[in-house]
Each structure stands twice: as structure tokens, then as C-alpha cells.
Amino acid sequence: MSPRLLLTSSSSAKRKTLHNKNNPLQNKTAVISCTMSNGGFVGSIVISKHGHDKDCVYVIVSVVDDKFVQVANGENRPLKSPKRKNIRHLFVTKSRTAATNDLEIKKAVKEFKKGGGV
């Protein structure tokens, strides 16, 4: 085999692995990006999938654009300085909150963690 064919076959195998239909985190991105423009996910409790804050729980506080949101957790990320996150790096749970200040966000995140999450 030529190196080019070998590279093509390995990249297609990689592509199949990345696009697994049974992966619940994989199919959420399309749904999120379609509804981000109307701010429908503000107040949703999310879990970070990537980065140094992997597995941290946040609340979406605002939508920046089609790709980014701002998240806060009430502790090290308060409302006055929310973290900007790529929506592809977040897992949106079914839980929502109507929190309007840091104390309420902190309480919602704590209850989410205590309740076992998703």
C-alpha cells in the first residue's frame, strides 16, 4: 500500500469512531446551535466536557454568538466575570434554573451535584 492510501484508511476509521450514533454527547451540538440564537438555553445547567475545567457544573448566563456562551457557577466564576465556553465543549442537561444572582446559582449547582446530575 502506498502511504497515501494508508493515511486515508486510518483517517476514515478515526472519523467512524468520532461520529458514533450511540454517543449521547455527540448529537447535542446540532440541537444546541440551532436554538442558541433565541437564547433558549439561558438558565440551563451544563457540564464541561473539555478543558482544564472538565466535569465542572455551570449555568448558562448568556449567549455570545452561535458558537459561544457565558457560564457561571457562583463560586470561582461569578456573574460579574463569567467564563466564555464553546458550546461544543458543554453537555446540556435537562435541568434548568431561574437563578438571578451568585447565591442562587451556587445553590442550583450544589443541588444538581447532590441529586446525581443528568
Protein backbone atom coordinates (compact mmCIF):
# COMPACT_ATOMS: atom_id res chain seq x y z
CA MET A 1 0.00 0.00 0.00
CA SER A 2 1.09 3.50 -0.66
CA PRO A 3 1.37 5.84 2.34
CA ARG A 4 -1.47 7.92 0.94
CA LEU A 5 -3.92 5.00 0.97
CA LEU A 6 -2.82 4.04 4.45
CA LEU A 7 -3.42 7.59 5.67
CA THR A 8 -6.85 7.68 4.04
CA SER A 9 -7.96 4.40 5.59
CA SER A 10 -6.77 5.38 9.07
CA SER A 11 -8.48 8.77 8.88
CA SER A 12 -11.78 7.16 7.82
CA ALA A 13 -11.52 4.75 10.76
CA LYS A 14 -10.92 7.74 13.01
CA ARG A 15 -13.95 9.51 11.52
CA LYS A 16 -16.19 6.50 12.27
CA THR A 17 -15.02 6.49 15.88
CA LEU A 18 -15.69 10.21 16.33
CA HIS A 19 -19.18 10.08 14.82
CA ASN A 20 -20.71 7.30 16.88
CA LYS A 21 -24.54 7.50 16.81
CA ASN A 22 -24.78 5.95 20.28
CA ASN A 23 -22.74 8.70 21.90
CA PRO A 24 -25.26 10.97 23.73
CA LEU A 25 -22.78 13.85 23.88
CA GLN A 26 -22.15 13.76 20.12
CA ASN A 27 -25.67 14.61 18.92
CA LYS A 28 -26.34 17.52 21.32
CA THR A 29 -24.20 20.07 19.44
CA ALA A 30 -26.52 20.35 16.44
CA VAL A 31 -29.56 20.87 18.65
CA ILE A 32 -27.78 23.50 20.73
CA SER A 33 -26.51 25.52 17.78
CA CYS A 34 -29.98 25.62 16.18
CA THR A 35 -31.63 27.09 19.27
CA MET A 36 -28.80 29.26 20.59
CA SER A 37 -29.81 32.28 18.55
CA ASN A 38 -33.03 32.78 20.52
CA GLY A 39 -31.36 32.35 23.94
CA GLY A 40 -33.43 29.26 24.73
CA PHE A 41 -30.64 27.71 26.79
CA VAL A 42 -30.07 30.57 29.22
CA GLY A 43 -30.60 29.10 32.69
CA SER A 44 -29.68 25.55 31.63
CA ILE A 45 -27.33 23.60 33.85
CA VAL A 46 -24.37 22.32 31.84
CA ILE A 47 -21.32 20.14 32.41
CA SER A 48 -17.96 20.97 30.87
CA LYS A 49 -16.67 18.16 28.62
CA HIS A 50 -13.26 19.61 27.71
CA GLY A 51 -10.56 21.88 29.07
CA HIS A 52 -8.97 22.31 32.47
CA ASP A 53 -12.44 22.62 33.99
CA LYS A 54 -13.64 19.24 32.67
CA ASP A 55 -16.61 17.81 34.63
CA CYS A 56 -17.37 21.16 36.30
CA VAL A 57 -21.03 22.16 36.57
CA TYR A 58 -22.12 25.60 35.35
CA VAL A 59 -25.26 27.56 34.49
CA ILE A 60 -25.54 29.30 31.09
CA VAL A 61 -25.98 33.01 31.84
CA SER A 62 -25.82 34.47 28.31
CA VAL A 63 -25.35 33.61 24.66
CA VAL A 64 -22.39 35.31 22.95
CA ASP A 65 -22.99 34.05 19.39
CA ASP A 66 -23.73 30.80 17.53
CA LYS A 67 -20.62 29.11 18.95
CA PHE A 68 -20.05 30.56 22.41
CA VAL A 69 -21.95 31.04 25.66
CA GLN A 70 -21.03 32.53 29.02
CA VAL A 71 -21.30 30.29 32.07
CA ALA A 72 -21.08 30.86 35.82
CA ASN A 73 -21.14 28.65 38.90
CA GLY A 74 -21.46 31.25 41.66
CA GLU A 75 -18.13 30.39 43.29
CA ASN A 76 -14.93 30.84 41.31
CA ARG A 77 -16.96 32.01 38.27
CA PRO A 78 -19.45 34.63 39.49
CA LEU A 79 -21.90 36.55 37.32
CA LYS A 80 -19.59 39.57 37.19
CA SER A 81 -16.88 37.52 35.43
CA PRO A 82 -18.48 34.54 33.63
CA LYS A 83 -16.43 32.03 31.66
CA ARG A 84 -16.72 32.02 27.87
CA LYS A 85 -17.14 28.44 26.65
CA ASN A 86 -17.54 26.86 23.23
CA ILE A 87 -20.92 25.12 23.10
CA ARG A 88 -19.28 22.02 21.63
CA HIS A 89 -17.39 21.66 24.92
CA LEU A 90 -20.55 21.55 27.05
CA PHE A 91 -23.08 18.84 27.83
CA VAL A 92 -26.50 20.42 28.30
CA THR A 93 -28.57 18.65 30.94
CA LYS A 94 -32.35 18.63 31.25
CA SER A 95 -32.14 20.69 34.44
CA ARG A 96 -32.83 24.43 34.38
CA THR A 97 -32.77 27.23 36.92
CA ALA A 98 -34.21 30.72 37.15
CA ALA A 99 -31.28 31.94 39.27
CA THR A 100 -30.55 35.66 39.02
CA ASN A 101 -27.62 36.09 41.43
CA ASP A 102 -24.49 34.22 42.51
CA LEU A 103 -26.04 32.77 45.64
CA GLU A 104 -28.96 31.23 43.70
CA ILE A 105 -26.62 29.88 41.00
CA LYS A 106 -24.34 28.35 43.65
CA LYS A 107 -27.36 26.72 45.30
CA ALA A 108 -28.68 25.36 41.98
CA VAL A 109 -25.27 23.88 41.10
CA LYS A 110 -24.97 22.33 44.57
CA GLU A 111 -28.46 20.77 44.35
CA PHE A 112 -27.66 19.43 40.89
CA LYS A 113 -24.49 17.77 42.14
CA LYS A 114 -26.24 16.42 45.23
CA GLY A 115 -29.10 15.00 43.17
CA GLY A 116 -26.77 12.97 40.96
CA GLY A 117 -26.87 15.16 37.87
CA VAL A 118 -28.26 14.44 34.43
